[in-house]
Protein backbone atom coordinates (compact mmCIF):
# COMPACT_ATOMS: atom_id res chain seq x y z
CA MET A 1 -61.47 15.06 25.75
CA ARG A 2 -58.27 15.19 27.71
CA ILE A 3 -58.33 17.40 30.79
CA MET A 4 -55.06 18.76 32.13
CA SER A 5 -53.48 21.71 33.86
CA ALA A 6 -52.57 24.48 31.44
CA SER A 7 -49.00 24.33 32.75
CA GLN A 8 -48.67 20.83 31.25
CA TYR A 9 -49.70 21.89 27.74
CA ASP A 10 -46.98 22.76 25.23
CA GLY A 11 -49.43 23.88 22.52
CA LYS A 12 -47.25 22.67 19.66
CA ARG A 13 -48.84 21.41 16.49
CA SER A 14 -46.74 20.75 13.43
CA VAL A 15 -48.23 22.01 10.17
CA ASP A 16 -47.97 19.61 7.27
CA ALA A 17 -45.32 20.96 4.90
CA GLY A 18 -45.89 18.00 2.61
CA THR A 19 -43.76 14.99 1.90
CA ARG A 20 -40.78 15.21 -0.40
CA GLU A 21 -42.82 13.34 -3.02
CA GLN A 22 -45.63 15.88 -2.77
CA GLN A 23 -43.21 18.79 -3.00
CA GLU A 24 -41.52 17.31 -6.06
CA ALA A 25 -44.88 16.59 -7.68
CA VAL A 26 -45.96 20.18 -7.21
CA LYS A 27 -42.73 21.53 -8.68
CA ALA A 28 -43.15 19.25 -11.70
CA ILE A 29 -46.72 20.47 -12.25
CA LEU A 30 -45.68 24.11 -11.98
CA THR A 31 -42.88 23.61 -14.49
CA SER A 32 -45.11 21.73 -16.91
CA VAL A 33 -47.83 24.39 -16.90
CA ARG A 34 -45.29 27.18 -17.24
CA GLN A 35 -43.79 25.51 -20.30
CA GLN A 36 -46.82 23.89 -21.94
CA GLY A 37 -49.76 26.08 -20.88
CA ASP A 38 -53.23 24.76 -21.69
CA GLU A 39 -51.87 21.45 -22.94
CA ALA A 40 -50.55 20.72 -19.44
CA LEU A 41 -53.82 21.88 -17.87
CA ARG A 42 -55.76 19.42 -20.03
CA TYR A 43 -53.41 16.61 -19.10
CA TYR A 44 -53.64 17.20 -15.36
CA THR A 45 -57.40 17.85 -15.44
CA GLU A 46 -57.94 14.52 -17.17
CA ARG A 47 -55.52 12.76 -14.83
CA PHE A 48 -56.79 14.13 -11.54
CA ASP A 49 -60.40 15.15 -12.27
CA ARG A 50 -61.13 12.45 -14.85
CA VAL A 51 -62.51 14.81 -17.47
CA LEU A 52 -61.00 16.08 -20.71
CA LEU A 53 -61.80 19.73 -21.40
CA GLN A 54 -61.01 21.84 -24.43
CA ASN A 55 -62.41 25.09 -23.05
CA PHE A 56 -61.90 25.78 -19.37
CA ARG A 57 -64.04 28.88 -18.94
CA VAL A 58 -67.55 28.51 -17.51
CA SER A 59 -70.17 29.55 -20.06
CA GLU A 60 -73.22 31.76 -19.61
CA GLY A 61 -75.36 28.68 -20.09
CA GLU A 62 -73.67 26.96 -17.18
CA PHE A 63 -74.34 29.96 -14.95
CA ALA A 64 -78.01 29.86 -15.95
CA GLU A 65 -78.21 26.13 -15.28
CA ALA A 66 -76.61 26.55 -11.85
CA SER A 67 -79.12 29.24 -10.94
CA GLU A 68 -81.94 26.79 -11.64
CA LEU A 69 -80.35 24.02 -9.59
CA VAL A 70 -79.75 26.00 -6.38
CA SER A 71 -82.80 26.31 -4.15
CA PRO A 72 -84.34 29.75 -3.52
CA HIS A 73 -83.70 29.61 0.24
CA VAL A 74 -79.99 28.89 -0.31
CA LYS A 75 -79.79 31.79 -2.76
CA ALA A 76 -81.55 34.07 -0.31
CA ALA A 77 -79.18 33.10 2.50
CA LEU A 78 -76.14 33.68 0.27
CA GLU A 79 -77.47 37.06 -0.84
CA GLU A 80 -78.11 38.24 2.70
CA ALA A 81 -74.72 36.96 3.86
CA ALA A 82 -73.15 38.86 0.96
CA GLU A 83 -74.88 42.06 2.06
CA ASN A 84 -73.49 41.64 5.57
CA ILE A 85 -69.99 40.94 4.25
CA ARG A 86 -70.13 44.03 2.03
CA ALA A 87 -71.32 46.24 4.88
CA PHE A 88 -68.49 45.09 7.14
CA HIS A 89 -65.73 45.33 4.56
CA GLU A 90 -66.81 48.70 3.16
CA ARG A 91 -65.71 50.19 6.48
CA GLN A 92 -62.16 49.00 5.74
CA VAL A 93 -61.71 51.08 2.59
CA ARG A 94 -58.67 53.35 2.72
CA GLN A 95 -58.30 56.69 0.98
CA SER A 96 -55.23 58.24 -0.59
CA TRP A 97 -53.94 61.16 1.46
CA PHE A 98 -51.61 64.13 1.03
CA THR A 99 -50.10 66.68 3.37
CA THR A 100 -48.30 69.92 2.54
CA LYS A 101 -45.84 72.12 4.36
CA GLU A 102 -45.52 75.90 4.27
CA SER A 103 -42.23 75.39 2.45
CA GLY A 104 -44.10 73.87 -0.50
CA THR A 105 -43.19 70.22 0.02
CA LEU A 106 -45.97 67.69 -0.48
CA LEU A 107 -45.95 64.16 0.92
CA GLY A 108 -48.63 61.56 0.57
CA GLN A 109 -49.75 58.01 0.04
CA LEU A 110 -51.53 56.86 -3.11
CA ILE A 111 -53.90 53.89 -2.73
CA ARG A 112 -54.48 51.74 -5.79
CA PRO A 113 -56.21 48.35 -6.18
CA LEU A 114 -54.45 45.33 -7.57
CA GLN A 115 -55.38 44.87 -11.22
CA ARG A 116 -56.10 41.14 -11.37
CA VAL A 117 -56.68 38.66 -8.55
CA GLY A 118 -57.19 34.90 -8.67
CA LEU A 119 -59.43 33.12 -6.20
CA TYR A 120 -58.94 29.39 -5.74
CA VAL A 121 -62.11 27.55 -4.68
CA PRO A 122 -62.03 23.86 -3.67
CA GLY A 123 -64.47 21.60 -5.49
CA GLY A 124 -66.34 18.35 -5.00
CA THR A 125 -67.44 17.54 -1.46
CA ALA A 126 -65.31 20.43 -0.14
CA ALA A 127 -67.12 23.10 -2.16
CA TYR A 128 -67.65 26.15 0.02
CA PRO A 129 -69.74 28.94 -1.57
CA SER A 130 -69.24 30.99 1.60
CA SER A 131 -65.52 31.18 0.79
CA VAL A 132 -66.34 32.63 -2.61
CA LEU A 133 -68.15 35.50 -0.89
CA MET A 134 -65.43 35.99 1.74
CA ASN A 135 -62.64 36.23 -0.84
CA ALA A 136 -64.33 37.93 -3.77
CA ILE A 137 -66.32 40.66 -2.02
CA PRO A 138 -63.35 42.39 -0.33
CA ALA A 139 -61.50 42.33 -3.66
CA LYS A 140 -64.45 43.95 -5.40
CA ILE A 141 -64.79 46.57 -2.67
CA ALA A 142 -61.07 47.35 -2.99
CA GLY A 143 -61.72 48.13 -6.65
CA VAL A 144 -59.93 45.19 -8.26
CA PRO A 145 -61.16 45.36 -11.88
CA GLN A 146 -60.52 41.70 -12.69
CA VAL A 147 -61.37 38.93 -10.22
CA VAL A 148 -61.12 35.40 -11.58
CA ILE A 149 -61.97 32.04 -10.00
CA THR A 150 -60.40 28.65 -10.64
CA THR A 151 -62.08 25.54 -9.25
CA PRO A 152 -61.84 21.85 -10.13
CA PRO A 153 -64.60 20.32 -12.26
CA GLY A 154 -66.51 17.18 -11.43
CA ALA A 155 -66.28 14.05 -13.56
CA ASP A 156 -69.19 15.47 -15.58
CA GLY A 157 -67.12 18.54 -16.45
CA LYS A 158 -69.32 20.85 -14.40
CA ILE A 159 -68.82 23.09 -11.38
CA ASN A 160 -70.76 22.81 -8.13
CA PRO A 161 -73.79 25.04 -8.84
CA ALA A 162 -73.67 26.76 -5.44
CA ILE A 163 -70.16 27.98 -6.28
CA LEU A 164 -71.43 29.57 -9.50
CA VAL A 165 -74.39 31.18 -7.77
CA ALA A 166 -72.15 32.61 -5.02
CA ALA A 167 -69.76 33.93 -7.66
CA GLN A 168 -72.58 35.71 -9.47
CA ILE A 169 -73.75 37.26 -6.20
CA ALA A 170 -70.19 38.46 -5.56
CA GLY A 171 -69.94 39.87 -9.08
CA VAL A 172 -67.46 37.35 -10.51
CA THR A 173 -68.18 35.89 -13.95
CA GLU A 174 -64.70 34.81 -15.11
CA ILE A 175 -64.43 31.25 -13.83
CA TYR A 176 -62.23 28.41 -15.04
CA LYS A 177 -62.61 24.66 -14.50
CA VAL A 178 -59.11 24.01 -13.26
CA GLY A 179 -58.06 22.76 -9.84
CA GLY A 180 -55.05 21.70 -7.81
CA ALA A 181 -51.47 22.88 -8.20
CA GLN A 182 -52.06 23.25 -11.95
CA ALA A 183 -54.59 26.02 -11.25
CA ILE A 184 -52.07 27.89 -9.12
CA ALA A 185 -49.55 27.52 -11.94
CA ALA A 186 -52.02 28.86 -14.51
CA LEU A 187 -52.83 31.87 -12.33
CA THR A 188 -49.14 32.56 -11.77
CA TYR A 189 -47.67 32.11 -15.24
CA GLY A 190 -50.72 32.47 -17.46
CA THR A 191 -51.75 30.12 -20.28
CA GLU A 192 -53.48 30.52 -23.62
CA GLN A 193 -56.89 30.70 -21.95
CA ILE A 194 -56.06 31.99 -18.46
CA LYS A 195 -54.35 35.31 -17.97
CA ALA A 196 -51.83 35.61 -15.11
CA VAL A 197 -52.84 37.42 -11.91
CA ASP A 198 -51.13 39.65 -9.36
CA LYS A 199 -52.34 37.78 -6.27
CA ILE A 200 -53.82 34.37 -5.43
CA VAL A 201 -56.16 33.86 -2.48
CA GLY A 202 -58.34 31.06 -1.23
CA PRO A 203 -58.02 27.69 0.53
CA GLY A 204 -57.05 24.34 -0.95
CA ASN A 205 -55.54 20.94 -0.23
CA ILE A 206 -51.89 20.24 0.50
CA PHE A 207 -50.95 20.43 -3.19
CA VAL A 208 -52.59 23.84 -3.54
CA ALA A 209 -50.90 25.06 -0.35
CA LEU A 210 -47.48 23.84 -1.52
CA ALA A 211 -47.99 25.42 -4.93
CA LYS A 212 -48.91 28.77 -3.38
CA ARG A 213 -45.82 28.63 -1.20
CA GLU A 214 -43.68 27.81 -4.24
CA VAL A 215 -44.91 30.69 -6.43
CA PHE A 216 -44.90 33.33 -3.71
CA GLY A 217 -42.69 36.16 -4.92
CA LEU A 218 -43.78 35.81 -8.52
CA VAL A 219 -47.28 36.60 -7.28
CA SER A 220 -48.62 37.62 -3.90
CA ILE A 221 -50.63 35.13 -1.85
CA ASP A 222 -52.97 35.53 1.09
CA MET A 223 -51.41 32.93 3.38
CA VAL A 224 -50.36 29.30 3.57
CA ALA A 225 -53.16 28.22 5.88
CA GLY A 226 -52.91 25.29 8.23
CA PRO A 227 -55.76 23.24 9.71
CA SER A 228 -58.54 25.14 11.44
CA GLU A 229 -58.55 25.78 15.18
CA ILE A 230 -60.81 27.09 17.90
CA ALA A 231 -60.12 28.07 21.48
CA VAL A 232 -62.87 28.76 24.00
CA ILE A 233 -62.17 30.48 27.30
CA ALA A 234 -64.99 29.88 29.77
CA ASP A 235 -65.93 30.13 33.42
CA GLU A 236 -68.59 28.30 35.42
CA THR A 237 -71.37 30.35 33.78
CA ALA A 238 -70.80 28.82 30.33
CA ASN A 239 -73.25 26.35 28.83
CA PRO A 240 -71.39 23.03 28.38
CA GLN A 241 -73.62 22.01 25.48
CA TYR A 242 -72.78 25.22 23.59
CA VAL A 243 -69.07 24.89 24.30
CA ALA A 244 -68.93 21.27 23.14
CA ALA A 245 -70.90 22.03 19.97
CA ASP A 246 -68.60 24.93 19.10
CA LEU A 247 -65.48 22.85 19.64
CA LEU A 248 -66.87 20.20 17.30
CA SER A 249 -67.82 22.82 14.71
CA GLN A 250 -64.12 23.23 13.99
CA ALA A 251 -63.01 19.67 14.72
CA GLU A 252 -65.15 18.43 11.83
CA HIS A 253 -63.04 20.40 9.32
CA ASP A 254 -59.93 18.26 9.37
CA PRO A 255 -58.31 15.46 11.44
CA MET A 256 -55.62 17.99 12.34
CA SER A 257 -58.03 20.70 13.49
CA ALA A 258 -57.40 21.89 17.05
CA ALA A 259 -60.22 22.33 19.58
CA ILE A 260 -59.17 23.80 22.93
CA LEU A 261 -61.14 24.80 26.01
CA VAL A 262 -59.46 26.96 28.65
CA THR A 263 -61.49 27.14 31.84
CA THR A 264 -61.38 28.00 35.52
CA SER A 265 -64.03 25.38 36.31
CA GLN A 266 -63.29 21.70 36.90
CA SER A 267 -67.03 21.00 36.77
CA LEU A 268 -67.42 22.68 33.37
CA ALA A 269 -64.39 20.80 32.06
CA GLU A 270 -65.93 17.45 32.97
CA GLN A 271 -69.35 18.38 31.57
CA VAL A 272 -67.87 19.58 28.27
CA SER A 273 -65.79 16.42 27.95
CA GLN A 274 -68.92 14.32 28.34
CA GLU A 275 -70.90 16.54 25.96
CA VAL A 276 -68.27 16.22 23.26
CA GLU A 277 -68.51 12.42 23.41
CA ARG A 278 -72.32 12.55 23.36
CA GLN A 279 -72.48 14.94 20.40
CA LEU A 280 -69.84 13.03 18.48
CA ALA A 281 -72.03 9.94 18.41
CA ASP A 282 -74.33 11.14 15.63
CA LEU A 283 -72.16 13.80 13.98
CA PRO A 284 -72.16 13.15 10.20
CA ARG A 285 -68.42 13.88 9.98
CA LYS A 286 -67.73 11.85 13.11
CA SER A 287 -64.58 10.12 11.86
CA ILE A 288 -62.88 13.44 11.07
CA ALA A 289 -63.98 15.22 14.25
CA GLU A 290 -63.15 12.22 16.41
CA ALA A 291 -59.58 12.11 15.13
CA ALA A 292 -59.17 15.85 15.67
CA ILE A 293 -60.51 15.64 19.24
CA ARG A 294 -58.33 12.65 20.00
CA ASP A 295 -55.10 14.18 18.73
CA TYR A 296 -55.60 17.94 19.06
CA GLY A 297 -58.52 18.38 21.44
CA VAL A 298 -57.75 19.38 25.02
CA ILE A 299 -59.32 21.05 28.05
CA LEU A 300 -56.91 23.22 30.02
CA LEU A 301 -57.54 24.13 33.65
CA VAL A 302 -56.34 27.51 34.93
CA ASP A 303 -56.50 29.12 38.37
CA ASP A 304 -58.11 32.35 37.16
CA LEU A 305 -59.04 34.21 34.00
CA ASP A 306 -55.82 36.23 33.99
CA GLU A 307 -53.90 32.98 33.63
CA GLY A 308 -56.48 31.84 31.08
CA PHE A 309 -55.97 34.82 28.81
CA ALA A 310 -52.20 34.45 29.12
CA VAL A 311 -52.61 30.91 27.79
CA ILE A 312 -54.88 32.14 24.99
CA ASN A 313 -52.37 34.80 23.94
CA CYS A 314 -49.67 32.14 23.82
CA ILE A 315 -51.80 29.88 21.61
CA ALA A 316 -52.86 32.81 19.37
CA PRO A 317 -55.88 30.90 18.04
CA GLU A 318 -57.56 31.35 14.70
CA HIS A 319 -60.97 31.57 16.41
CA LEU A 320 -61.47 32.60 20.03
CA GLU A 321 -64.77 32.40 21.87
CA ILE A 322 -65.06 34.22 25.20
CA MET A 323 -67.82 32.53 27.22
CA VAL A 324 -67.51 34.18 30.62
CA ALA A 325 -69.80 36.43 32.63
CA GLU A 326 -69.57 39.99 31.27
CA SER A 327 -67.46 38.77 28.35
CA PHE A 328 -67.03 42.23 26.81
CA GLU A 329 -65.05 43.37 29.85
CA TYR A 330 -62.32 40.87 28.94
CA LEU A 331 -61.86 41.89 25.31
CA GLY A 332 -58.93 44.12 26.26
CA LYS A 333 -57.02 41.12 27.59
CA VAL A 334 -56.82 39.53 24.14
CA GLU A 335 -53.53 40.22 22.38
CA ASN A 336 -53.39 37.40 19.84
CA ALA A 337 -56.45 35.98 18.07
CA GLY A 338 -57.66 35.98 14.49
CA ALA A 339 -61.36 36.43 15.23
CA ILE A 340 -62.99 36.99 18.61
CA PHE A 341 -66.53 35.91 19.49
CA LEU A 342 -68.09 37.41 22.61
CA GLY A 343 -70.86 35.78 24.60
CA PRO A 344 -72.98 32.63 24.35
CA TYR A 345 -74.77 33.58 21.13
CA SER A 346 -71.68 34.48 19.11
CA SER A 347 -71.02 30.92 18.00
CA GLU A 348 -68.08 30.64 15.63
CA PRO A 349 -70.25 29.59 12.63
CA VAL A 350 -71.97 32.98 12.88
CA GLY A 351 -68.69 34.46 11.67
CA ASP A 352 -68.05 31.67 9.20
CA TYR A 353 -71.22 32.34 7.29
CA PHE A 354 -73.31 35.36 8.09
CA ALA A 355 -72.22 38.13 10.46
CA GLY A 356 -70.06 39.83 7.82
CA THR A 357 -66.59 39.43 9.31
CA ASN A 358 -64.14 37.46 7.16
CA HIS A 359 -63.62 33.76 7.78
CA VAL A 360 -60.20 33.66 6.08
CA ILE A 361 -58.17 33.90 9.28
CA PRO A 362 -54.54 33.19 10.25
CA THR A 363 -53.93 29.73 11.72
CA ASN A 364 -51.33 27.86 13.76
CA GLY A 365 -50.29 30.78 15.95
CA THR A 366 -49.75 33.23 13.09
CA ALA A 367 -52.40 35.51 14.58
CA ARG A 368 -49.43 36.82 16.59
CA PHE A 369 -48.41 38.81 13.52
CA SER A 370 -51.09 38.57 10.84
CA SER A 371 -54.76 39.41 10.34
CA PRO A 372 -57.94 38.12 8.69
CA LEU A 373 -58.38 38.69 4.97
CA SER A 374 -59.56 42.24 4.32
CA VAL A 375 -59.83 44.97 1.74
CA ASP A 376 -56.21 45.83 2.58
CA ASP A 377 -55.12 42.55 1.00
CA PHE A 378 -56.27 43.77 -2.40
CA ILE A 379 -54.65 47.20 -2.49
CA LYS A 380 -51.14 48.54 -2.85
CA LYS A 381 -49.72 51.80 -1.55
CA SER A 382 -47.34 54.19 -3.26
CA SER A 383 -45.50 56.92 -1.39
CA VAL A 384 -45.65 60.34 -3.06
CA VAL A 385 -42.92 62.97 -2.66
CA SER A 386 -42.93 66.45 -4.16
CA TYR A 387 -39.97 68.14 -2.44
CA SER A 388 -39.77 71.91 -2.68
CA LYS A 389 -36.73 73.81 -3.84
CA ARG A 390 -36.65 75.58 -0.51
CA ASP A 391 -36.54 72.37 1.51
CA LEU A 392 -33.86 70.81 -0.70
CA ARG A 393 -31.73 73.93 -0.32
CA ASP A 394 -32.16 73.85 3.47
CA ASN A 395 -31.75 70.08 3.94
CA GLY A 396 -29.63 68.97 1.00
CA HIS A 397 -26.34 68.87 2.88
CA LYS A 398 -27.92 66.72 5.60
CA ILE A 399 -28.96 64.24 2.91
CA VAL A 400 -25.42 64.28 1.49
CA THR A 401 -24.04 63.65 4.98
CA LEU A 402 -26.21 60.55 5.41
CA ALA A 403 -25.34 59.26 1.92
CA GLU A 404 -21.61 59.65 2.59
CA GLN A 405 -22.00 57.92 5.94
CA GLU A 406 -23.32 54.88 4.08
CA GLY A 407 -20.65 55.07 1.36
CA LEU A 408 -23.15 55.83 -1.40
CA SER A 409 -21.45 58.69 -3.17
CA GLY A 410 -23.80 58.55 -6.14
CA HIS A 411 -26.69 59.39 -3.83
CA GLY A 412 -24.79 62.38 -2.51
CA ARG A 413 -23.80 63.59 -5.97
CA ALA A 414 -27.44 63.58 -7.11
CA ILE A 415 -28.17 66.10 -4.36
CA LEU A 416 -24.95 68.09 -4.80
CA ALA A 417 -25.74 68.65 -8.49
CA ARG A 418 -28.83 70.56 -7.46
CA LEU A 419 -27.15 72.38 -4.58
CA ARG A 420 -24.45 73.65 -6.96
CA ASP A 421 -27.15 74.98 -9.27
CA PHE A 422 -28.75 76.75 -6.31
CA GLU A 423 -25.40 78.40 -5.50
CA THR A 424 -24.93 79.48 -9.12
CA GLU A 425 -28.42 80.97 -9.21
CA GLU A 426 -27.78 82.87 -5.99
CA GLN A 427 -24.47 84.24 -7.28
CA GLU A 428 -26.04 85.42 -10.53
CA SER A 429 -28.89 86.98 -8.60
CA GLU A 430 -26.42 88.91 -6.45
CA LYS A 431 -24.62 90.21 -9.54
CA ARG A 432 -27.88 91.54 -10.90
């Protein structure tokens, strides 16, 4: 890995927005599905997935078959991971609230779940049952009554069995064999077999990402995620073998994944660089990780940890590991990071799979202003106002003043109509 002074690092990484051809292809697919529904889905499924399907929904028989194909120890691990994810996300649940004044006015906030959410799950060699748990469980905890999954079928017309098992564990049974931009179109516009949703979440390839970006506004989306990234801040106490392994754990995702070490120790920097090369040698996804390390892997030297955390906050990494002595003491220095892992045993994959925190995390510096997927992503909030007659009488003219200041006379008249009635009532009361 490259070793350089942090002052020499610009930290820029362009996120693939797709070629013009890809963008146009996505727009064409969206239009086709919007206009032709299931007929378009069949065409694109046959074209891209090499299978012709009449019915897209996964049957009960397919769920039963998948359960037989997945080994008991994988099921057990998924079930325990699901329990941890539920326990963590249940603490995020919000409650509606109301407050009243002596004058009789009531103000509040009403929390309601979204009604229907679509989860996109990649298929084939990129099938991630852990992502099913991470996306579906918070939606279920939020109270979403309808959670639906779309995922591309294999050439045999079937879904990766681990995906189906994870979905059952998460409580999702409405699953459709549709992938790519056409799945995003189906979830957005609806077809004969697939009902439209309110929000789409979940990772996908460039065509899925472009489609999500294109339909945003018609439906909500979680994020347009870029390649994965990890930053490790470490001092001389860190284990170079651990650091190198954790950097490679993210580099193996994608050739554009970023793996960054920020350290105060020249010796650690050199040891980690050597360890990365050694561990790369027999890594099954070597070609991917090697490209990521070559293009987006870097070791940054800083004078002290204060400078190190300033660099980290500038990068705003998706994943941040703090491998320094007394790591918890430095948590307060972190301003921008999607997920934070403290100490030598909090390896990033712990969060990816099992601890219970969500692994859908903002990338490419967007942790400066956004957060990991949570129960909040599956709710909506309504403000509630029950204004008392007393308060409107006392404050009505102030409201009229503000409306007139903005040139919105209709707003002011709506209030004045009530104030005039109050005056009439008072006059009649005086006569009596």
